[in-house]
Amino acid sequence: MKLIKYAFWAIVAICLMVVGLANKDIVTLNTLPEGLQGLPFAGLFSYSMQVPLFVVILLAVGLGLLIGFAWEWIREHKHRSAVTRKEREVQQLKREVGQMRAEKNEGRDDVLALLDNAGSRA
């Protein structure tokens, strides 16, 4: 299984290197279009930098993955809270069963109580 995992990551690394080598031209990355740069206070958000195209591609893919993971984490919140609620309920029921067994075996010999508890768990 580890071999398959390492082979998969090797293929991913090779693909990323090929994309990087094929897209190494320098591009200008602007945060605002030229038409909006003349608006008041637009200078606060207007940045421009020159980076290789593969950096833009990899950052866009990474940002998309982060947004997707966050979206799924938010979407699955109701399932995680339901599981937590059920786990609390199970723990409460286990405590109640333990208390009932203790009440049932109160005043009995310890060895017989242990045997009775072991028989009910099997």
N, C-alpha and C. Protein backbone atom coordinates (compact mmCIF):
# COMPACT_ATOMS: atom_id res chain seq x y z
N MET A 1 0.82 -1.19 0.00
CA MET A 1 0.00 0.00 0.00
C MET A 1 0.86 1.26 0.00
N LYS A 2 1.98 1.22 0.76
CA LYS A 2 2.86 2.38 0.77
C LYS A 2 3.46 2.63 -0.60
N LEU A 3 3.75 1.54 -1.33
CA LEU A 3 4.32 1.68 -2.66
C LEU A 3 3.35 2.40 -3.59
N ILE A 4 2.07 2.08 -3.48
CA ILE A 4 1.06 2.74 -4.32
C ILE A 4 0.98 4.22 -3.96
N LYS A 5 1.03 4.51 -2.67
CA LYS A 5 0.96 5.92 -2.23
C LYS A 5 2.17 6.70 -2.75
N TYR A 6 3.36 6.12 -2.62
CA TYR A 6 4.57 6.81 -3.10
C TYR A 6 4.55 6.97 -4.62
N ALA A 7 4.04 5.96 -5.33
CA ALA A 7 3.95 6.06 -6.79
C ALA A 7 2.97 7.17 -7.18
N PHE A 8 1.85 7.25 -6.47
CA PHE A 8 0.87 8.30 -6.77
C PHE A 8 1.48 9.68 -6.57
N TRP A 9 2.17 9.90 -5.44
CA TRP A 9 2.76 11.20 -5.17
C TRP A 9 3.91 11.50 -6.13
N ALA A 10 4.61 10.47 -6.59
CA ALA A 10 5.67 10.68 -7.59
C ALA A 10 5.05 11.15 -8.91
N ILE A 11 3.93 10.57 -9.30
CA ILE A 11 3.26 10.98 -10.53
C ILE A 11 2.75 12.41 -10.39
N VAL A 12 2.19 12.76 -9.23
CA VAL A 12 1.72 14.13 -9.00
C VAL A 12 2.89 15.10 -9.09
N ALA A 13 4.03 14.76 -8.47
CA ALA A 13 5.20 15.64 -8.51
C ALA A 13 5.71 15.82 -9.94
N ILE A 14 5.73 14.75 -10.71
CA ILE A 14 6.18 14.84 -12.11
C ILE A 14 5.24 15.73 -12.91
N CYS A 15 3.93 15.58 -12.69
CA CYS A 15 2.96 16.42 -13.40
C CYS A 15 3.15 17.89 -13.04
N LEU A 16 3.38 18.18 -11.76
CA LEU A 16 3.60 19.57 -11.35
C LEU A 16 4.88 20.14 -11.95
N MET A 17 5.92 19.33 -12.03
CA MET A 17 7.17 19.81 -12.65
C MET A 17 6.97 20.07 -14.14
N VAL A 18 6.22 19.21 -14.83
CA VAL A 18 5.98 19.41 -16.25
C VAL A 18 5.17 20.69 -16.47
N VAL A 19 4.14 20.91 -15.63
CA VAL A 19 3.35 22.13 -15.75
C VAL A 19 4.23 23.35 -15.48
N GLY A 20 5.10 23.26 -14.47
CA GLY A 20 5.99 24.37 -14.15
C GLY A 20 6.95 24.68 -15.28
N LEU A 21 7.52 23.66 -15.89
CA LEU A 21 8.47 23.88 -16.98
C LEU A 21 7.78 24.39 -18.24
N ALA A 22 6.53 23.98 -18.46
CA ALA A 22 5.81 24.41 -19.65
C ALA A 22 5.26 25.83 -19.51
N ASN A 23 5.15 26.34 -18.28
CA ASN A 23 4.54 27.66 -18.05
C ASN A 23 5.45 28.55 -17.22
N LYS A 24 6.68 28.71 -17.66
CA LYS A 24 7.61 29.52 -16.88
C LYS A 24 7.72 30.96 -17.38
N ASP A 25 6.86 31.36 -18.31
CA ASP A 25 6.85 32.75 -18.77
C ASP A 25 6.38 33.66 -17.64
N ILE A 26 6.91 34.89 -17.64
CA ILE A 26 6.55 35.87 -16.62
C ILE A 26 5.26 36.57 -17.02
N VAL A 27 4.32 36.66 -16.08
CA VAL A 27 3.06 37.37 -16.32
C VAL A 27 2.87 38.41 -15.21
N THR A 28 2.07 39.43 -15.51
CA THR A 28 1.77 40.47 -14.53
C THR A 28 0.45 40.11 -13.85
N LEU A 29 0.49 40.02 -12.54
CA LEU A 29 -0.69 39.69 -11.76
C LEU A 29 -1.19 40.96 -11.09
N ASN A 30 -2.41 41.40 -11.44
CA ASN A 30 -3.02 42.61 -10.88
C ASN A 30 -4.18 42.22 -9.97
N THR A 31 -4.32 42.92 -8.85
CA THR A 31 -5.45 42.65 -7.96
C THR A 31 -6.72 43.36 -8.41
N LEU A 32 -6.60 44.45 -9.14
CA LEU A 32 -7.76 45.17 -9.68
C LEU A 32 -7.55 45.43 -11.17
N PRO A 33 -8.62 45.43 -11.97
CA PRO A 33 -8.48 45.80 -13.38
C PRO A 33 -8.09 47.27 -13.50
N GLU A 34 -7.53 47.64 -14.64
CA GLU A 34 -7.07 49.02 -14.84
C GLU A 34 -8.20 50.03 -14.72
N GLY A 35 -9.40 49.67 -15.12
CA GLY A 35 -10.53 50.60 -15.07
C GLY A 35 -10.94 50.95 -13.65
N LEU A 36 -10.73 50.09 -12.70
CA LEU A 36 -11.11 50.34 -11.31
C LEU A 36 -10.01 51.01 -10.50
N GLN A 37 -8.81 51.10 -11.04
CA GLN A 37 -7.70 51.66 -10.28
C GLN A 37 -7.83 53.17 -10.09
N GLY A 38 -8.68 53.84 -10.87
CA GLY A 38 -8.86 55.28 -10.75
C GLY A 38 -9.89 55.67 -9.69
N LEU A 39 -10.62 54.73 -9.15
CA LEU A 39 -11.64 55.03 -8.15
C LEU A 39 -10.99 55.46 -6.83
N PRO A 40 -11.73 56.24 -6.02
CA PRO A 40 -11.17 56.64 -4.72
C PRO A 40 -10.93 55.41 -3.82
N PHE A 41 -9.88 55.44 -3.09
CA PHE A 41 -9.45 54.38 -2.17
C PHE A 41 -9.11 53.06 -2.86
N ALA A 42 -9.10 53.04 -4.18
CA ALA A 42 -8.74 51.82 -4.89
C ALA A 42 -7.25 51.55 -4.77
N GLY A 43 -6.48 52.58 -4.50
CA GLY A 43 -5.04 52.40 -4.35
C GLY A 43 -4.69 51.51 -3.18
N LEU A 44 -5.58 51.42 -2.19
CA LEU A 44 -5.32 50.54 -1.05
C LEU A 44 -5.34 49.08 -1.43
N PHE A 45 -6.12 48.74 -2.47
CA PHE A 45 -6.27 47.34 -2.88
C PHE A 45 -5.60 47.03 -4.21
N SER A 46 -4.97 48.01 -4.81
CA SER A 46 -4.37 47.83 -6.12
C SER A 46 -2.90 47.44 -5.99
N TYR A 47 -2.62 46.20 -6.31
CA TYR A 47 -1.25 45.69 -6.30
C TYR A 47 -0.97 45.04 -7.63
N SER A 48 0.27 45.07 -8.01
CA SER A 48 0.69 44.44 -9.25
C SER A 48 2.05 43.81 -9.03
N MET A 49 2.20 42.58 -9.51
CA MET A 49 3.50 41.91 -9.39
C MET A 49 3.72 41.00 -10.59
N GLN A 50 4.98 40.76 -10.85
CA GLN A 50 5.36 39.91 -11.97
C GLN A 50 5.81 38.56 -11.41
N VAL A 51 5.13 37.51 -11.84
CA VAL A 51 5.44 36.15 -11.36
C VAL A 51 5.38 35.19 -12.53
N PRO A 52 6.05 34.04 -12.41
CA PRO A 52 5.90 33.03 -13.45
C PRO A 52 4.46 32.49 -13.49
N LEU A 53 4.02 32.09 -14.67
CA LEU A 53 2.65 31.64 -14.84
C LEU A 53 2.36 30.39 -14.01
N PHE A 54 3.34 29.49 -13.86
CA PHE A 54 3.07 28.26 -13.11
C PHE A 54 2.79 28.56 -11.63
N VAL A 55 3.35 29.67 -11.12
CA VAL A 55 3.06 30.06 -9.74
C VAL A 55 1.58 30.45 -9.62
N VAL A 56 1.09 31.20 -10.59
CA VAL A 56 -0.31 31.60 -10.59
C VAL A 56 -1.20 30.36 -10.68
N ILE A 57 -0.84 29.42 -11.55
CA ILE A 57 -1.64 28.20 -11.71
C ILE A 57 -1.66 27.40 -10.42
N LEU A 58 -0.49 27.18 -9.82
CA LEU A 58 -0.42 26.38 -8.59
C LEU A 58 -1.12 27.07 -7.43
N LEU A 59 -1.00 28.40 -7.33
CA LEU A 59 -1.71 29.13 -6.28
C LEU A 59 -3.23 29.04 -6.48
N ALA A 60 -3.69 29.10 -7.71
CA ALA A 60 -5.12 29.00 -7.98
C ALA A 60 -5.63 27.60 -7.62
N VAL A 61 -4.88 26.57 -7.95
CA VAL A 61 -5.28 25.20 -7.59
C VAL A 61 -5.28 25.05 -6.07
N GLY A 62 -4.24 25.54 -5.40
CA GLY A 62 -4.17 25.45 -3.95
C GLY A 62 -5.31 26.20 -3.27
N LEU A 63 -5.62 27.41 -3.76
CA LEU A 63 -6.72 28.18 -3.21
C LEU A 63 -8.05 27.47 -3.43
N GLY A 64 -8.21 26.86 -4.60
CA GLY A 64 -9.43 26.09 -4.86
C GLY A 64 -9.57 24.91 -3.92
N LEU A 65 -8.46 24.23 -3.65
CA LEU A 65 -8.50 23.11 -2.70
C LEU A 65 -8.87 23.58 -1.30
N LEU A 66 -8.27 24.68 -0.86
CA LEU A 66 -8.59 25.21 0.48
C LEU A 66 -10.05 25.62 0.59
N ILE A 67 -10.57 26.26 -0.43
CA ILE A 67 -11.98 26.65 -0.42
C ILE A 67 -12.87 25.41 -0.40
N GLY A 68 -12.52 24.40 -1.18
CA GLY A 68 -13.29 23.15 -1.20
C GLY A 68 -13.26 22.44 0.14
N PHE A 69 -12.09 22.38 0.78
CA PHE A 69 -12.00 21.74 2.10
C PHE A 69 -12.82 22.51 3.13
N ALA A 70 -12.75 23.83 3.10
CA ALA A 70 -13.53 24.64 4.05
C ALA A 70 -15.02 24.45 3.80
N TRP A 71 -15.43 24.42 2.55
CA TRP A 71 -16.83 24.24 2.21
C TRP A 71 -17.34 22.89 2.74
N GLU A 72 -16.57 21.83 2.52
CA GLU A 72 -16.96 20.51 3.01
C GLU A 72 -16.99 20.46 4.53
N TRP A 73 -16.04 21.11 5.19
CA TRP A 73 -16.00 21.11 6.65
C TRP A 73 -17.26 21.79 7.20
N ILE A 74 -17.66 22.90 6.57
CA ILE A 74 -18.87 23.61 7.00
C ILE A 74 -20.10 22.76 6.69
N ARG A 75 -20.13 22.14 5.52
CA ARG A 75 -21.29 21.34 5.11
C ARG A 75 -21.48 20.12 6.01
N GLU A 76 -20.39 19.53 6.49
CA GLU A 76 -20.48 18.32 7.31
C GLU A 76 -20.63 18.62 8.79
N HIS A 77 -20.81 19.88 9.16
CA HIS A 77 -20.94 20.24 10.57
C HIS A 77 -22.12 19.53 11.23
N LYS A 78 -23.25 19.45 10.52
CA LYS A 78 -24.43 18.81 11.11
C LYS A 78 -24.18 17.33 11.38
N HIS A 79 -23.40 16.67 10.53
CA HIS A 79 -23.09 15.26 10.75
C HIS A 79 -22.16 15.08 11.95
N ARG A 80 -21.16 15.95 12.06
CA ARG A 80 -20.24 15.86 13.20
C ARG A 80 -20.97 16.14 14.51
N SER A 81 -21.88 17.11 14.51
CA SER A 81 -22.61 17.41 15.75
C SER A 81 -23.55 16.26 16.10
N ALA A 82 -24.14 15.61 15.10
CA ALA A 82 -25.02 14.46 15.38
C ALA A 82 -24.21 13.31 15.98
N VAL A 83 -23.03 13.07 15.46
CA VAL A 83 -22.17 12.01 16.00
C VAL A 83 -21.79 12.33 17.44
N THR A 84 -21.44 13.56 17.72
CA THR A 84 -21.08 13.95 19.08
C THR A 84 -22.27 13.76 20.02
N ARG A 85 -23.45 14.13 19.56
CA ARG A 85 -24.66 13.96 20.38
C ARG A 85 -24.92 12.48 20.66
N LYS A 86 -24.78 11.64 19.65
CA LYS A 86 -24.99 10.20 19.83
C LYS A 86 -23.94 9.59 20.75
N GLU A 87 -22.69 10.05 20.65
CA GLU A 87 -21.65 9.53 21.54
C GLU A 87 -21.95 9.89 23.00
N ARG A 88 -22.44 11.11 23.23
CA ARG A 88 -22.82 11.50 24.59
C ARG A 88 -23.98 10.63 25.10
N GLU A 89 -24.92 10.35 24.22
CA GLU A 89 -26.06 9.52 24.60
C GLU A 89 -25.60 8.10 24.94
N VAL A 90 -24.69 7.55 24.16
CA VAL A 90 -24.16 6.21 24.42
C VAL A 90 -23.44 6.17 25.76
N GLN A 91 -22.63 7.20 26.04
CA GLN A 91 -21.92 7.24 27.33
C GLN A 91 -22.90 7.32 28.50
N GLN A 92 -23.96 8.11 28.33
CA GLN A 92 -24.96 8.21 29.39
C GLN A 92 -25.66 6.87 29.60
N LEU A 93 -26.00 6.19 28.51
CA LEU A 93 -26.65 4.89 28.64
C LEU A 93 -25.72 3.86 29.28
N LYS A 94 -24.43 3.92 28.95
CA LYS A 94 -23.48 3.00 29.59
C LYS A 94 -23.40 3.25 31.09
N ARG A 95 -23.41 4.52 31.48
CA ARG A 95 -23.40 4.84 32.92
C ARG A 95 -24.66 4.32 33.60
N GLU A 96 -25.81 4.50 32.94
CA GLU A 96 -27.07 4.02 33.51
C GLU A 96 -27.07 2.50 33.66
N VAL A 97 -26.56 1.78 32.66
CA VAL A 97 -26.49 0.32 32.73
C VAL A 97 -25.56 -0.10 33.86
N GLY A 98 -24.45 0.59 34.00
CA GLY A 98 -23.53 0.29 35.09
C GLY A 98 -24.17 0.50 36.45
N GLN A 99 -24.93 1.59 36.59
CA GLN A 99 -25.63 1.85 37.85
C GLN A 99 -26.69 0.79 38.13
N MET A 100 -27.40 0.38 37.07
CA MET A 100 -28.44 -0.65 37.25
C MET A 100 -27.81 -1.98 37.64
N ARG A 101 -26.69 -2.32 37.05
CA ARG A 101 -26.00 -3.57 37.42
C ARG A 101 -25.50 -3.50 38.86
N ALA A 102 -25.00 -2.33 39.25
CA ALA A 102 -24.52 -2.18 40.62
C ALA A 102 -25.68 -2.33 41.60
N GLU A 103 -26.84 -1.74 41.27
CA GLU A 103 -28.01 -1.86 42.14
C GLU A 103 -28.50 -3.31 42.18
N LYS A 104 -28.45 -3.99 41.03
CA LYS A 104 -28.92 -5.38 40.95
C LYS A 104 -28.03 -6.30 41.79
N ASN A 105 -26.73 -6.03 41.75
CA ASN A 105 -25.77 -6.90 42.44
C ASN A 105 -25.45 -6.43 43.85
N GLU A 106 -26.16 -5.43 44.33
CA GLU A 106 -25.89 -4.92 45.67
C GLU A 106 -26.25 -5.98 46.72
N GLY A 107 -25.33 -6.22 47.62
CA GLY A 107 -25.56 -7.20 48.67
C GLY A 107 -25.22 -8.63 48.25
N ARG A 108 -24.86 -8.86 47.01
CA ARG A 108 -24.48 -10.20 46.55
C ARG A 108 -22.98 -10.39 46.72
N ASP A 109 -22.57 -11.62 46.61
CA ASP A 109 -21.16 -11.94 46.68
C ASP A 109 -20.44 -11.29 45.49
N ASP A 110 -19.24 -10.75 45.70
CA ASP A 110 -18.49 -10.06 44.64
C ASP A 110 -18.19 -10.98 43.47
N VAL A 111 -17.83 -12.21 43.73
CA VAL A 111 -17.49 -13.16 42.66
C VAL A 111 -18.72 -13.45 41.81
N LEU A 112 -19.87 -13.67 42.43
CA LEU A 112 -21.09 -13.92 41.67
C LEU A 112 -21.49 -12.69 40.85
N ALA A 113 -21.30 -11.50 41.42
CA ALA A 113 -21.62 -10.27 40.68
C ALA A 113 -20.72 -10.13 39.47
N LEU A 114 -19.43 -10.44 39.61
CA LEU A 114 -18.50 -10.37 38.47
C LEU A 114 -18.89 -11.38 37.39
N LEU A 115 -19.25 -12.59 37.82
CA LEU A 115 -19.65 -13.61 36.85
C LEU A 115 -20.94 -13.20 36.14
N ASP A 116 -21.86 -12.59 36.86
CA ASP A 116 -23.11 -12.15 36.25
C ASP A 116 -22.85 -11.03 35.23
N ASN A 117 -21.97 -10.10 35.58
CA ASN A 117 -21.62 -9.02 34.65
C ASN A 117 -20.91 -9.55 33.43
N ALA A 118 -20.01 -10.51 33.61
CA ALA A 118 -19.27 -11.09 32.48
C ALA A 118 -20.21 -11.85 31.56
N GLY A 119 -21.19 -12.50 32.11
CA GLY A 119 -22.15 -13.27 31.30
C GLY A 119 -23.06 -12.37 30.50
N SER A 120 -23.41 -11.21 31.03
CA SER A 120 -24.31 -10.31 30.31
C SER A 120 -23.58 -9.54 29.21
N ARG A 121 -22.28 -9.43 29.27
CA ARG A 121 -21.52 -8.72 28.22
C ARG A 121 -21.22 -9.61 27.04
N ALA A 122 -21.22 -10.90 27.22
CA ALA A 122 -20.85 -11.83 26.14
C ALA A 122 -21.93 -12.00 25.13
